[in-house]
N, C-alpha and C. Protein backbone atom coordinates (compact mmCIF):
# COMPACT_ATOMS: atom_id res chain seq x y z
N UNK A 1 0.58 -1.15 0.22
CA UNK A 1 0.13 0.07 -0.35
C UNK A 1 0.63 1.15 -0.12
N UNK A 2 1.60 1.12 0.91
CA UNK A 2 2.85 2.26 0.61
C UNK A 2 3.60 2.70 -0.41
N UNK A 3 3.63 1.78 -1.11
CA UNK A 3 4.86 1.51 -2.15
C UNK A 3 4.02 2.02 -3.29
N UNK A 4 2.79 2.12 -3.15
CA UNK A 4 1.50 2.94 -4.45
C UNK A 4 1.67 4.14 -4.08
N UNK A 5 2.08 4.85 -3.08
CA UNK A 5 2.04 6.09 -2.91
C UNK A 5 3.03 6.96 -2.86
N UNK A 6 4.28 6.09 -3.05
CA UNK A 6 5.85 6.92 -3.37
C UNK A 6 5.83 7.13 -4.77
N UNK A 7 6.10 8.53 -4.71
CA UNK A 7 6.64 9.06 -6.41
C UNK A 7 7.59 8.48 -7.28
N UNK A 8 7.32 8.20 -8.23
CA UNK A 8 8.65 6.98 -8.96
C UNK A 8 9.69 8.06 -9.28
N UNK A 9 9.63 9.05 -8.98
CA UNK A 9 10.71 9.86 -9.40
C UNK A 9 11.81 10.26 -7.90
N UNK A 10 11.06 9.88 -7.30
CA UNK A 10 12.01 9.65 -5.66
C UNK A 10 11.95 8.19 -5.78
N UNK A 11 11.20 7.35 -5.76
CA UNK A 11 12.09 6.13 -5.95
C UNK A 11 13.00 5.72 -6.58
N UNK A 12 13.33 6.39 -7.71
CA UNK A 12 14.36 6.03 -8.82
C UNK A 12 15.92 6.89 -7.89
N UNK A 13 15.34 7.91 -7.20
CA UNK A 13 16.51 8.91 -6.81
C UNK A 13 17.13 8.08 -5.58
N UNK A 14 15.90 7.53 -4.84
CA UNK A 14 16.51 6.68 -4.05
C UNK A 14 17.25 5.55 -4.00
N UNK A 15 17.15 4.58 -5.29
CA UNK A 15 17.88 3.55 -5.49
C UNK A 15 19.41 4.07 -6.01
N UNK A 16 19.46 4.89 -6.80
CA UNK A 16 20.52 5.78 -7.19
C UNK A 16 20.90 5.73 -5.84
N UNK A 17 21.02 6.43 -5.07
CA UNK A 17 21.32 6.83 -3.70
C UNK A 17 22.06 5.57 -2.99
N UNK A 18 20.99 4.38 -2.84
CA UNK A 18 21.26 3.38 -2.26
C UNK A 18 22.61 2.71 -3.11
N UNK A 19 22.52 2.68 -4.60
CA UNK A 19 23.71 1.93 -5.26
C UNK A 19 24.99 2.96 -4.89
N UNK A 20 25.12 4.43 -4.67
CA UNK A 20 25.99 4.85 -4.25
C UNK A 20 26.38 4.50 -2.95
N UNK A 21 25.53 4.45 -1.99
CA UNK A 21 25.97 3.92 -0.71
C UNK A 21 26.79 2.32 -0.34
N UNK A 22 26.54 2.08 -1.71
CA UNK A 22 26.66 0.32 -1.57
C UNK A 22 28.42 0.62 -2.39
N UNK A 23 28.26 1.26 -3.09
CA UNK A 23 29.66 1.17 -3.86
C UNK A 23 30.73 2.31 -3.01
N UNK A 24 30.11 2.85 -2.08
CA UNK A 24 31.44 3.33 -0.95
C UNK A 24 31.13 2.68 0.16
N UNK A 25 30.75 1.60 0.31
CA UNK A 25 30.64 0.12 1.16
C UNK A 25 31.99 -0.94 1.00
N UNK A 26 31.90 -0.96 -0.45
CA UNK A 26 32.75 -1.59 -0.91
C UNK A 26 34.45 -0.97 -0.87
N UNK A 27 34.32 0.11 -0.91
CA UNK A 27 35.16 0.92 -0.68
C UNK A 27 35.81 0.88 0.40
N UNK A 28 35.19 1.17 1.41
CA UNK A 28 35.70 1.10 2.72
C UNK A 28 35.84 -0.38 3.34
N UNK A 29 35.16 -1.52 2.47
CA UNK A 29 36.04 -2.98 2.90
C UNK A 29 37.12 -3.34 2.09
N UNK A 30 37.52 -2.51 0.83
CA UNK A 30 39.13 -2.38 0.57
C UNK A 30 39.89 -1.82 1.26
N UNK A 31 39.26 -1.07 1.76
CA UNK A 31 40.77 -0.07 2.95
C UNK A 31 40.91 -1.04 3.80
N UNK A 32 39.70 -1.80 4.62
CA UNK A 32 40.37 -2.47 5.65
C UNK A 32 40.79 -3.68 5.80
N UNK A 33 40.96 -4.40 4.26
CA UNK A 33 40.95 -5.36 3.73
C UNK A 33 42.92 -5.02 3.87
N UNK A 34 43.08 -3.84 3.28
CA UNK A 34 44.52 -3.98 3.01
C UNK A 34 45.04 -2.82 4.54
N UNK A 35 44.40 -2.96 5.28
CA UNK A 35 44.86 -2.32 6.45
C UNK A 35 45.16 -4.07 6.83
N UNK A 36 43.97 -4.91 6.90
CA UNK A 36 44.95 -6.29 7.63
C UNK A 36 45.60 -6.79 7.07
N UNK A 37 45.92 -6.87 6.05
CA UNK A 37 46.89 -7.47 5.10
C UNK A 37 48.23 -7.28 5.76
N UNK A 38 48.00 -6.06 5.50
CA UNK A 38 49.42 -4.78 6.33
C UNK A 38 49.75 -5.16 7.56
N UNK A 39 48.60 -5.36 8.14
CA UNK A 39 48.70 -5.67 9.99
C UNK A 39 49.61 -7.65 10.51
N UNK A 40 48.67 -8.25 8.94
CA UNK A 40 49.26 -9.68 8.81
C UNK A 40 50.52 -9.66 8.79
N UNK A 41 50.92 -8.82 8.00
CA UNK A 41 52.40 -9.00 7.16
C UNK A 41 53.23 -9.23 8.35
N UNK A 42 53.10 -7.49 9.30
CA UNK A 42 53.75 -7.07 10.86
C UNK A 42 53.71 -8.43 11.94
N UNK A 43 52.76 -8.77 11.53
CA UNK A 43 52.81 -9.95 12.67
C UNK A 43 53.76 -10.94 12.57
N UNK A 44 53.69 -11.10 11.45
CA UNK A 44 54.13 -12.21 10.68
C UNK A 44 55.85 -12.08 11.05
N UNK A 45 56.21 -11.07 10.36
CA UNK A 45 57.59 -10.96 10.53
C UNK A 45 58.01 -10.76 12.34
N UNK A 46 57.03 -10.03 13.18
CA UNK A 46 57.28 -10.24 14.34
C UNK A 46 57.20 -11.58 14.93
N UNK A 47 56.83 -12.38 14.71
CA UNK A 47 56.85 -14.01 15.37
C UNK A 47 57.83 -14.93 14.82
N UNK A 48 57.92 -14.46 13.16
CA UNK A 48 59.39 -15.59 12.52
C UNK A 48 60.29 -14.88 12.70
N UNK A 49 60.81 -13.60 12.89
CA UNK A 49 61.30 -12.73 13.14
C UNK A 49 62.86 -12.50 12.20
N UNK A 50 63.90 -13.36 12.07
CA UNK A 50 64.41 -13.28 11.11
C UNK A 50 65.35 -14.82 10.91
N UNK A 51 64.31 -15.54 11.31
CA UNK A 51 64.25 -16.92 11.36
C UNK A 51 64.22 -17.44 10.12
N UNK A 52 63.40 -17.39 9.11
CA UNK A 52 62.98 -17.61 8.06
C UNK A 52 62.78 -16.54 6.84
N UNK A 53 63.99 -15.99 6.61
CA UNK A 53 63.84 -14.50 5.52
C UNK A 53 63.28 -14.92 4.11
N UNK A 54 63.26 -16.19 3.70
CA UNK A 54 63.15 -16.61 2.39
C UNK A 54 61.47 -16.28 2.33
N UNK A 55 60.76 -17.04 3.24
CA UNK A 55 59.15 -16.78 3.54
C UNK A 55 59.16 -15.79 3.76
N UNK A 56 59.65 -14.88 4.71
CA UNK A 56 59.45 -13.69 5.03
C UNK A 56 59.34 -12.58 3.56
N UNK A 57 60.16 -12.71 3.11
CA UNK A 57 60.49 -12.40 1.84
C UNK A 57 59.31 -12.51 0.42
N UNK A 58 59.24 -13.60 0.48
CA UNK A 58 58.14 -14.05 -0.45
C UNK A 58 56.63 -13.99 0.28
N UNK A 59 56.78 -13.56 1.76
CA UNK A 59 55.08 -13.09 2.11
C UNK A 59 54.75 -11.48 2.01
N UNK A 60 55.98 -10.87 2.23
CA UNK A 60 55.86 -9.23 1.71
C UNK A 60 55.86 -9.01 0.62
N UNK A 61 56.35 -9.67 -0.76
CA UNK A 61 55.82 -9.72 -2.14
C UNK A 61 54.64 -10.01 -2.56
N UNK A 62 53.96 -10.99 -2.08
CA UNK A 62 52.72 -11.70 -1.93
C UNK A 62 51.79 -9.96 -1.53
N UNK A 63 52.13 -9.85 -0.49
CA UNK A 63 51.29 -8.76 0.44
C UNK A 63 51.20 -7.41 -0.31
N UNK A 64 52.57 -6.93 -1.14
CA UNK A 64 52.76 -6.14 -1.87
C UNK A 64 51.70 -6.26 -2.70
N UNK A 65 51.67 -7.56 -3.61
CA UNK A 65 50.51 -7.48 -4.96
C UNK A 65 49.30 -7.60 -4.46
N UNK A 66 49.15 -8.08 -3.29
CA UNK A 66 47.51 -7.75 -2.93
C UNK A 66 47.43 -6.36 -2.54
N UNK A 67 48.12 -5.39 -1.64
CA UNK A 67 48.10 -4.21 -1.84
C UNK A 67 47.62 -3.23 -2.84
N UNK A 68 48.48 -3.66 -3.82
CA UNK A 68 48.25 -2.57 -4.97
C UNK A 68 46.65 -3.42 -5.75
N UNK A 69 46.40 -4.82 -5.84
CA UNK A 69 45.25 -5.04 -6.53
C UNK A 69 44.27 -4.18 -5.33
N UNK A 70 44.25 -4.70 -4.39
CA UNK A 70 43.04 -3.57 -3.53
C UNK A 70 43.13 -2.25 -3.59
N UNK A 71 44.32 -1.98 -4.06
CA UNK A 71 44.32 0.11 -4.32
C UNK A 71 43.89 0.09 -5.78
N UNK A 72 43.89 -1.11 -6.74
CA UNK A 72 42.60 -0.91 -7.89
C UNK A 72 41.42 -1.20 -7.74
N UNK A 73 41.34 -1.94 -6.85
CA UNK A 73 40.04 -2.36 -6.81
C UNK A 73 39.37 -0.97 -6.01
N UNK A 74 40.04 -0.71 -5.17
CA UNK A 74 38.95 0.40 -4.56
C UNK A 74 38.73 1.72 -5.30
N UNK A 75 40.25 2.10 -6.57
CA UNK A 75 39.74 2.63 -7.23
C UNK A 75 38.57 2.47 -8.24
N UNK A 76 38.19 1.61 -8.53
CA UNK A 76 37.05 0.64 -9.55
C UNK A 76 35.45 1.02 -8.91
N UNK A 77 35.78 0.82 -7.45
CA UNK A 77 34.62 1.18 -6.54
C UNK A 77 34.20 2.51 -6.31
N UNK A 78 35.18 3.47 -6.41
CA UNK A 78 35.57 5.09 -6.15
C UNK A 78 34.66 5.44 -7.56
N UNK A 79 35.34 5.52 -9.02
CA UNK A 79 34.74 5.60 -10.17
C UNK A 79 33.71 5.28 -10.52
N UNK A 80 32.67 4.19 -9.71
CA UNK A 80 31.33 3.71 -9.85
C UNK A 80 31.13 5.03 -9.22
N UNK A 81 31.14 4.97 -7.95
CA UNK A 81 30.80 5.97 -6.99
C UNK A 81 30.51 7.29 -7.35
N UNK A 82 31.34 7.73 -8.00
CA UNK A 82 31.69 9.25 -8.60
C UNK A 82 30.77 9.17 -10.16
N UNK A 83 30.72 8.15 -10.47
CA UNK A 83 29.31 8.01 -12.06
C UNK A 83 28.36 8.29 -11.44
N UNK A 84 28.03 7.24 -10.52
CA UNK A 84 26.29 7.07 -10.15
C UNK A 84 26.01 8.65 -9.42
N UNK A 85 27.21 8.64 -8.43
CA UNK A 85 26.97 10.67 -8.10
C UNK A 85 26.05 11.25 -9.39
N UNK A 86 27.17 11.51 -10.44
CA UNK A 86 26.70 12.41 -11.57
C UNK A 86 25.16 12.02 -12.10
N UNK A 87 25.12 10.67 -12.09
CA UNK A 87 23.89 10.13 -12.56
C UNK A 87 22.67 11.05 -11.77
N UNK A 88 22.79 10.57 -10.48
CA UNK A 88 21.96 11.31 -9.48
C UNK A 88 21.53 12.87 -10.18
N UNK A 89 22.54 13.46 -9.80
CA UNK A 89 22.47 14.70 -10.08
C UNK A 89 21.69 15.16 -11.63
N UNK A 90 22.24 14.59 -12.35
CA UNK A 90 21.52 14.45 -13.91
C UNK A 90 19.74 14.09 -13.79
N UNK A 91 20.11 12.75 -12.81
CA UNK A 91 18.43 12.94 -12.74
C UNK A 91 17.32 13.50 -11.94
N UNK A 92 18.17 14.12 -11.05
CA UNK A 92 17.84 15.36 -9.68
C UNK A 92 17.49 16.44 -10.55
N UNK A 93 17.72 16.53 -11.69
CA UNK A 93 17.95 18.00 -12.61
C UNK A 93 16.64 17.75 -13.64
N UNK A 94 16.30 16.75 -14.20
CA UNK A 94 15.35 16.45 -14.80
C UNK A 94 13.77 16.31 -14.37
N UNK A 95 13.21 16.89 -14.90
CA UNK A 95 11.81 17.00 -14.81
C UNK A 95 11.40 15.75 -14.79
N UNK A 96 11.49 14.60 -16.23
CA UNK A 96 10.87 13.38 -16.13
C UNK A 96 11.70 12.57 -15.33
N UNK A 97 10.99 11.57 -15.49
CA UNK A 97 12.08 10.04 -14.81
C UNK A 97 12.18 8.79 -15.80
N UNK A 98 13.37 8.90 -16.02
CA UNK A 98 13.16 8.02 -17.37
C UNK A 98 13.63 6.52 -16.68
N UNK A 99 14.17 6.48 -15.44
CA UNK A 99 14.78 5.21 -14.99
C UNK A 99 15.78 4.68 -15.52
N UNK A 100 16.85 5.58 -15.75
CA UNK A 100 17.70 4.81 -16.46
C UNK A 100 18.86 5.01 -15.54
N UNK A 101 19.89 3.81 -15.33
CA UNK A 101 21.02 3.87 -14.70
C UNK A 101 22.22 3.17 -15.13
N UNK A 102 22.43 3.63 -16.53
CA UNK A 102 23.80 3.69 -17.47
C UNK A 102 24.69 4.56 -17.07
N UNK A 103 25.75 4.10 -16.66
CA UNK A 103 26.57 5.67 -16.29
C UNK A 103 27.84 5.18 -16.99
N UNK A 104 27.89 5.13 -17.81
CA UNK A 104 28.69 4.97 -19.10
C UNK A 104 29.37 6.61 -19.12
N UNK A 105 28.38 7.06 -19.76
CA UNK A 105 28.48 8.57 -19.68
C UNK A 105 28.90 8.98 -18.92
N UNK A 106 28.87 9.33 -17.50
CA UNK A 106 29.56 9.85 -16.46
C UNK A 106 31.18 9.30 -15.69
N UNK A 107 31.40 8.07 -16.32
CA UNK A 107 32.50 7.30 -15.29
C UNK A 107 33.77 8.30 -16.31
N UNK A 108 34.61 8.10 -15.28
CA UNK A 108 36.06 8.89 -15.97
C UNK A 108 37.29 8.23 -15.57
N UNK A 109 38.82 8.59 -16.15
CA UNK A 109 39.79 7.24 -16.22
C UNK A 109 39.55 6.73 -14.99
N UNK A 110 39.99 5.74 -15.00
CA UNK A 110 40.40 4.19 -13.70
C UNK A 110 41.42 4.81 -12.90
N UNK A 111 42.97 5.41 -14.06
CA UNK A 111 43.77 5.61 -13.13
C UNK A 111 44.07 7.13 -12.61
N UNK A 112 42.98 7.89 -12.97
CA UNK A 112 42.84 9.35 -12.15
C UNK A 112 42.61 8.77 -10.57
N UNK A 113 41.41 7.87 -10.58
CA UNK A 113 40.75 7.12 -9.32
C UNK A 113 41.93 7.15 -8.86
N UNK A 114 42.70 6.21 -9.03
CA UNK A 114 43.86 5.79 -8.37
C UNK A 114 44.62 6.51 -7.41
N UNK A 115 44.80 7.79 -8.12
CA UNK A 115 45.66 8.73 -7.60
C UNK A 115 45.00 10.14 -7.07
N UNK A 116 43.68 9.63 -6.41
CA UNK A 116 43.61 10.72 -5.64
C UNK A 116 44.07 11.09 -4.22
N UNK A 117 43.87 11.64 -3.30
CA UNK A 117 45.46 12.55 -2.74
C UNK A 117 45.00 11.57 -1.62
N UNK A 118 44.14 11.28 -0.81
CA UNK A 118 44.10 10.58 0.62
C UNK A 118 44.06 9.71 0.88
N UNK A 119 43.54 8.39 -0.45
CA UNK A 119 43.75 7.03 -0.55
C UNK A 119 44.64 6.67 -1.13
N UNK A 120 45.53 7.23 -2.32
CA UNK A 120 46.72 6.89 -2.44
C UNK A 120 47.92 7.11 -1.67
N UNK A 121 47.89 7.69 -0.45
CA UNK A 121 48.68 8.03 0.45
C UNK A 121 48.41 6.66 1.32
N UNK A 122 47.25 6.23 1.72
CA UNK A 122 47.19 5.21 2.56
C UNK A 122 47.64 4.10 1.48
N UNK A 123 47.45 3.69 0.43
CA UNK A 123 48.04 2.12 -0.22
C UNK A 123 49.75 2.66 -0.29
N UNK A 124 50.05 3.73 -0.57
CA UNK A 124 51.78 3.50 -1.28
C UNK A 124 52.04 3.73 0.69
N UNK A 125 51.54 4.50 1.40
CA UNK A 125 52.36 3.98 2.57
C UNK A 125 52.44 2.99 3.07
N UNK A 126 51.16 1.84 3.00
CA UNK A 126 51.00 0.52 3.40
C UNK A 126 52.37 -0.37 2.39
N UNK A 127 52.44 -0.11 1.36
CA UNK A 127 52.88 -0.63 0.47
C UNK A 127 54.44 -0.44 0.75
N UNK A 128 54.79 0.93 1.26
CA UNK A 128 56.19 1.09 1.58
C UNK A 128 56.79 0.64 2.67
N UNK A 129 55.44 0.62 3.80
CA UNK A 129 56.01 -0.23 5.19
C UNK A 129 56.32 -1.40 4.93
N UNK A 130 55.52 -2.54 3.76
CA UNK A 130 55.68 -3.39 3.48
C UNK A 130 57.18 -4.13 2.62
N UNK A 131 57.43 -2.94 1.87
CA UNK A 131 58.34 -2.61 1.25
C UNK A 131 59.96 -2.41 2.35
N UNK A 132 59.62 -2.04 3.18
CA UNK A 132 60.37 -1.68 4.02
C UNK A 132 61.05 -2.71 5.21
N UNK A 133 59.96 -3.03 5.73
CA UNK A 133 59.79 -4.46 6.36
C UNK A 133 60.61 -5.67 5.62
N UNK A 134 60.18 -5.87 4.42
CA UNK A 134 61.08 -7.00 3.55
C UNK A 134 62.51 -6.53 3.33
N UNK A 135 63.12 -5.51 3.65
CA UNK A 135 64.42 -4.97 3.60
C UNK A 135 64.83 -4.91 4.84
N UNK A 136 64.48 -5.76 5.73
CA UNK A 136 64.97 -5.61 7.02
C UNK A 136 65.32 -7.10 7.25
N UNK A 137 64.78 -8.28 6.35
CA UNK A 137 65.36 -9.23 6.38
C UNK A 137 66.32 -9.60 5.59
């Protein structure tokens, strides 16, 4: 009964906004996963010390690759979040509702999203910390 009373335009804007929030949540999960990978490698270095340098170097290399992949995934989610935000602005400014969810016209360059300031600092510092740790062995 309540769904019939909702304006279709408002329902469409709510759907776009829920999509924006879901991409934002995915980006937060990628950042948390990167922090956990870094904490795990630090823990491995603390537990094993310098007793097994080959394993630790290989683990650090694997962690660096995982961190880079998580960085790319985070940039991908941010790219879609921005595209849906632009779609939301376009749908909000239109007087009629077309229920279009295609964001291809609003997507930017993937590499540009990777190098946005606060997030790139996080991933570069995490990768740098793992690289520094691998040189300590």
